[in-house]
Amino acid sequence: MNVFVIWIVLVTAWNFGYPSATPIEDVVVAIGLSLLSLILKKYLKF
């Protein structure tokens, strides 16, 4: 659950930090952050 919280905070920060981002940039960043969350789950054992 903690990894999800980290992911949602990062996605929210991206959306508010870069409001002029195109939809494809939003999708790419969300996928990247999702992969990061999978890595965090594996190595940090939340």
PDB file of N, CA and C in Angstrom:
ATOM      1  N   MET A   1       0.822  -1.197   0.000  1.00  0.00           N
ATOM      2  CA  MET A   1       0.000   0.000   0.000  1.00  0.00           C
ATOM      3  C   MET A   1       0.862   1.255   0.000  1.00  0.00           C
ATOM      4  N   ASN A   2       1.988   1.232   0.689  1.00  0.00           N
ATOM      5  CA  ASN A   2       2.862   2.395   0.739  1.00  0.00           C
ATOM      6  C   ASN A   2       3.410   2.758  -0.634  1.00  0.00           C
ATOM      7  N   VAL A   3       3.692   1.743  -1.474  1.00  0.00           N
ATOM      8  CA  VAL A   3       4.202   2.003  -2.811  1.00  0.00           C
ATOM      9  C   VAL A   3       3.138   2.714  -3.637  1.00  0.00           C
ATOM     10  N   PHE A   4       1.885   2.341  -3.463  1.00  0.00           N
ATOM     11  CA  PHE A   4       0.802   3.021  -4.175  1.00  0.00           C
ATOM     12  C   PHE A   4       0.733   4.490  -3.774  1.00  0.00           C
ATOM     13  N   VAL A   5       0.912   4.768  -2.508  1.00  0.00           N
ATOM     14  CA  VAL A   5       0.877   6.156  -2.029  1.00  0.00           C
ATOM     15  C   VAL A   5       2.015   6.951  -2.666  1.00  0.00           C
ATOM     16  N   ILE A   6       3.199   6.356  -2.725  1.00  0.00           N
ATOM     17  CA  ILE A   6       4.336   7.019  -3.371  1.00  0.00           C
ATOM     18  C   ILE A   6       4.010   7.289  -4.838  1.00  0.00           C
ATOM     19  N   TRP A   7       3.445   6.288  -5.528  1.00  0.00           N
ATOM     20  CA  TRP A   7       3.100   6.426  -6.940  1.00  0.00           C
ATOM     21  C   TRP A   7       2.074   7.531  -7.149  1.00  0.00           C
ATOM     22  N   ILE A   8       1.025   7.565  -6.351  1.00  0.00           N
ATOM     23  CA  ILE A   8      -0.026   8.568  -6.539  1.00  0.00           C
ATOM     24  C   ILE A   8       0.498   9.969  -6.242  1.00  0.00           C
ATOM     25  N   VAL A   9       1.396  10.099  -5.272  1.00  0.00           N
ATOM     26  CA  VAL A   9       1.996  11.406  -4.981  1.00  0.00           C
ATOM     27  C   VAL A   9       2.850  11.874  -6.169  1.00  0.00           C
ATOM     28  N   LEU A  10       3.628  10.971  -6.735  1.00  0.00           N
ATOM     29  CA  LEU A  10       4.466  11.340  -7.878  1.00  0.00           C
ATOM     30  C   LEU A  10       3.635  11.685  -9.111  1.00  0.00           C
ATOM     31  N   VAL A  11       2.574  10.937  -9.361  1.00  0.00           N
ATOM     32  CA  VAL A  11       1.693  11.241 -10.496  1.00  0.00           C
ATOM     33  C   VAL A  11       1.021  12.594 -10.291  1.00  0.00           C
ATOM     34  N   THR A  12       0.568  12.858  -9.092  1.00  0.00           N
ATOM     35  CA  THR A  12      -0.066  14.144  -8.791  1.00  0.00           C
ATOM     36  C   THR A  12       0.937  15.288  -8.941  1.00  0.00           C
ATOM     37  N   ALA A  13       2.154  15.081  -8.457  1.00  0.00           N
ATOM     38  CA  ALA A  13       3.192  16.102  -8.591  1.00  0.00           C
ATOM     39  C   ALA A  13       3.490  16.367 -10.066  1.00  0.00           C
ATOM     40  N   TRP A  14       3.538  15.319 -10.863  1.00  0.00           N
ATOM     41  CA  TRP A  14       3.763  15.491 -12.305  1.00  0.00           C
ATOM     42  C   TRP A  14       2.634  16.310 -12.919  1.00  0.00           C
ATOM     43  N   ASN A  15       1.403  15.963 -12.607  1.00  0.00           N
ATOM     44  CA  ASN A  15       0.263  16.655 -13.217  1.00  0.00           C
ATOM     45  C   ASN A  15       0.184  18.120 -12.808  1.00  0.00           C
ATOM     46  N   PHE A  16       0.502  18.427 -11.569  1.00  0.00           N
ATOM     47  CA  PHE A  16       0.474  19.826 -11.142  1.00  0.00           C
ATOM     48  C   PHE A  16       1.760  20.562 -11.525  1.00  0.00           C
ATOM     49  N   GLY A  17       2.866  19.851 -11.613  1.00  0.00           N
ATOM     50  CA  GLY A  17       4.139  20.468 -11.952  1.00  0.00           C
ATOM     51  C   GLY A  17       4.281  20.786 -13.435  1.00  0.00           C
ATOM     52  N   TYR A  18       3.639  19.994 -14.275  1.00  0.00           N
ATOM     53  CA  TYR A  18       3.715  20.177 -15.723  1.00  0.00           C
ATOM     54  C   TYR A  18       2.305  20.182 -16.318  1.00  0.00           C
ATOM     55  N   PRO A  19       1.529  21.220 -16.051  1.00  0.00           N
ATOM     56  CA  PRO A  19       0.148  21.247 -16.534  1.00  0.00           C
ATOM     57  C   PRO A  19       0.044  21.350 -18.056  1.00  0.00           C
ATOM     58  N   SER A  20       1.097  21.805 -18.711  1.00  0.00           N
ATOM     59  CA  SER A  20       1.038  21.947 -20.170  1.00  0.00           C
ATOM     60  C   SER A  20       1.516  20.691 -20.896  1.00  0.00           C
ATOM     61  N   ALA A  21       1.760  19.611 -20.166  1.00  0.00           N
ATOM     62  CA  ALA A  21       2.220  18.367 -20.787  1.00  0.00           C
ATOM     63  C   ALA A  21       1.126  17.809 -21.690  1.00  0.00           C
ATOM     64  N   THR A  22       1.565  17.219 -22.796  1.00  0.00           N
ATOM     65  CA  THR A  22       0.611  16.611 -23.721  1.00  0.00           C
ATOM     66  C   THR A  22       0.098  15.296 -23.119  1.00  0.00           C
ATOM     67  N   PRO A  23      -1.027  14.816 -23.625  1.00  0.00           N
ATOM     68  CA  PRO A  23      -1.564  13.548 -23.108  1.00  0.00           C
ATOM     69  C   PRO A  23      -0.584  12.378 -23.236  1.00  0.00           C
ATOM     70  N   ILE A  24       0.171  12.329 -24.320  1.00  0.00           N
ATOM     71  CA  ILE A  24       1.124  11.231 -24.482  1.00  0.00           C
ATOM     72  C   ILE A  24       2.234  11.312 -23.444  1.00  0.00           C
ATOM     73  N   GLU A  25       2.644  12.509 -23.084  1.00  0.00           N
ATOM     74  CA  GLU A  25       3.646  12.660 -22.030  1.00  0.00           C
ATOM     75  C   GLU A  25       3.090  12.176 -20.691  1.00  0.00           C
ATOM     76  N   ASP A  26       1.824  12.476 -20.429  1.00  0.00           N
ATOM     77  CA  ASP A  26       1.191  11.996 -19.193  1.00  0.00           C
ATOM     78  C   ASP A  26       1.172  10.477 -19.142  1.00  0.00           C
ATOM     79  N   VAL A  27       0.848   9.853 -20.264  1.00  0.00           N
ATOM     80  CA  VAL A  27       0.784   8.390 -20.312  1.00  0.00           C
ATOM     81  C   VAL A  27       2.176   7.791 -20.118  1.00  0.00           C
ATOM     82  N   VAL A  28       3.168   8.346 -20.787  1.00  0.00           N
ATOM     83  CA  VAL A  28       4.534   7.822 -20.674  1.00  0.00           C
ATOM     84  C   VAL A  28       5.042   7.949 -19.237  1.00  0.00           C
ATOM     85  N   VAL A  29       4.809   9.089 -18.611  1.00  0.00           N
ATOM     86  CA  VAL A  29       5.262   9.290 -17.233  1.00  0.00           C
ATOM     87  C   VAL A  29       4.513   8.355 -16.278  1.00  0.00           C
ATOM     88  N   ALA A  30       3.215   8.184 -16.478  1.00  0.00           N
ATOM     89  CA  ALA A  30       2.451   7.279 -15.618  1.00  0.00           C
ATOM     90  C   ALA A  30       2.957   5.839 -15.747  1.00  0.00           C
ATOM     91  N   ILE A  31       3.278   5.422 -16.964  1.00  0.00           N
ATOM     92  CA  ILE A  31       3.824   4.074 -17.160  1.00  0.00           C
ATOM     93  C   ILE A  31       5.189   3.953 -16.496  1.00  0.00           C
ATOM     94  N   GLY A  32       6.023   4.965 -16.662  1.00  0.00           N
ATOM     95  CA  GLY A  32       7.342   4.950 -16.019  1.00  0.00           C
ATOM     96  C   GLY A  32       7.244   4.888 -14.514  1.00  0.00           C
ATOM     97  N   LEU A  33       6.337   5.672 -13.954  1.00  0.00           N
ATOM     98  CA  LEU A  33       6.162   5.652 -12.499  1.00  0.00           C
ATOM     99  C   LEU A  33       5.574   4.322 -12.029  1.00  0.00           C
ATOM    100  N   SER A  34       4.749   3.714 -12.854  1.00  0.00           N
ATOM    101  CA  SER A  34       4.202   2.404 -12.515  1.00  0.00           C
ATOM    102  C   SER A  34       5.319   1.355 -12.472  1.00  0.00           C
ATOM    103  N   LEU A  35       6.209   1.419 -13.450  1.00  0.00           N
ATOM    104  CA  LEU A  35       7.351   0.495 -13.443  1.00  0.00           C
ATOM    105  C   LEU A  35       8.242   0.745 -12.233  1.00  0.00           C
ATOM    106  N   LEU A  36       8.430   2.005 -11.883  1.00  0.00           N
ATOM    107  CA  LEU A  36       9.200   2.343 -10.685  1.00  0.00           C
ATOM    108  C   LEU A  36       8.545   1.746  -9.439  1.00  0.00           C
ATOM    109  N   SER A  37       7.227   1.790  -9.366  1.00  0.00           N
ATOM    110  CA  SER A  37       6.544   1.227  -8.204  1.00  0.00           C
ATOM    111  C   SER A  37       6.716  -0.288  -8.137  1.00  0.00           C
ATOM    112  N   LEU A  38       6.742  -0.947  -9.298  1.00  0.00           N
ATOM    113  CA  LEU A  38       6.982  -2.389  -9.302  1.00  0.00           C
ATOM    114  C   LEU A  38       8.392  -2.704  -8.787  1.00  0.00           C
ATOM    115  N   ILE A  39       9.357  -1.901  -9.183  1.00  0.00           N
ATOM    116  CA  ILE A  39      10.734  -2.095  -8.713  1.00  0.00           C
ATOM    117  C   ILE A  39      10.803  -1.849  -7.208  1.00  0.00           C
ATOM    118  N   LEU A  40      10.131  -0.809  -6.746  1.00  0.00           N
ATOM    119  CA  LEU A  40      10.113  -0.535  -5.303  1.00  0.00           C
ATOM    120  C   LEU A  40       9.501  -1.678  -4.521  1.00  0.00           C
ATOM    121  N   LYS A  41       8.415  -2.255  -5.029  1.00  0.00           N
ATOM    122  CA  LYS A  41       7.779  -3.384  -4.350  1.00  0.00           C
ATOM    123  C   LYS A  41       8.740  -4.571  -4.254  1.00  0.00           C
ATOM    124  N   LYS A  42       9.505  -4.779  -5.307  1.00  0.00           N
ATOM    125  CA  LYS A  42      10.402  -5.930  -5.333  1.00  0.00           C
ATOM    126  C   LYS A  42      11.581  -5.762  -4.390  1.00  0.00           C
ATOM    127  N   TYR A  43      12.188  -4.589  -4.385  1.00  0.00           N
ATOM    128  CA  TYR A  43      13.426  -4.396  -3.636  1.00  0.00           C
ATOM    129  C   TYR A  43      13.222  -3.874  -2.206  1.00  0.00           C
ATOM    130  N   LEU A  44      12.147  -3.138  -1.973  1.00  0.00           N
ATOM    131  CA  LEU A  44      11.958  -2.578  -0.642  1.00  0.00           C
ATOM    132  C   LEU A  44      11.054  -3.426   0.241  1.00  0.00           C
ATOM    133  N   LYS A  45      10.387  -4.401  -0.331  1.00  0.00           N
ATOM    134  CA  LYS A  45       9.547  -5.345   0.417  1.00  0.00           C
ATOM    135  C   LYS A  45       8.522  -4.639   1.316  1.00  0.00           C
ATOM    136  N   PHE A  46       7.786  -3.691   0.721  1.00  0.00           N
ATOM    137  CA  PHE A  46       6.732  -3.003   1.483  1.00  0.00           C
ATOM    138  C   PHE A  46       5.629  -3.949   1.821  1.00  0.00           C
TER     139      PHE A  46
END
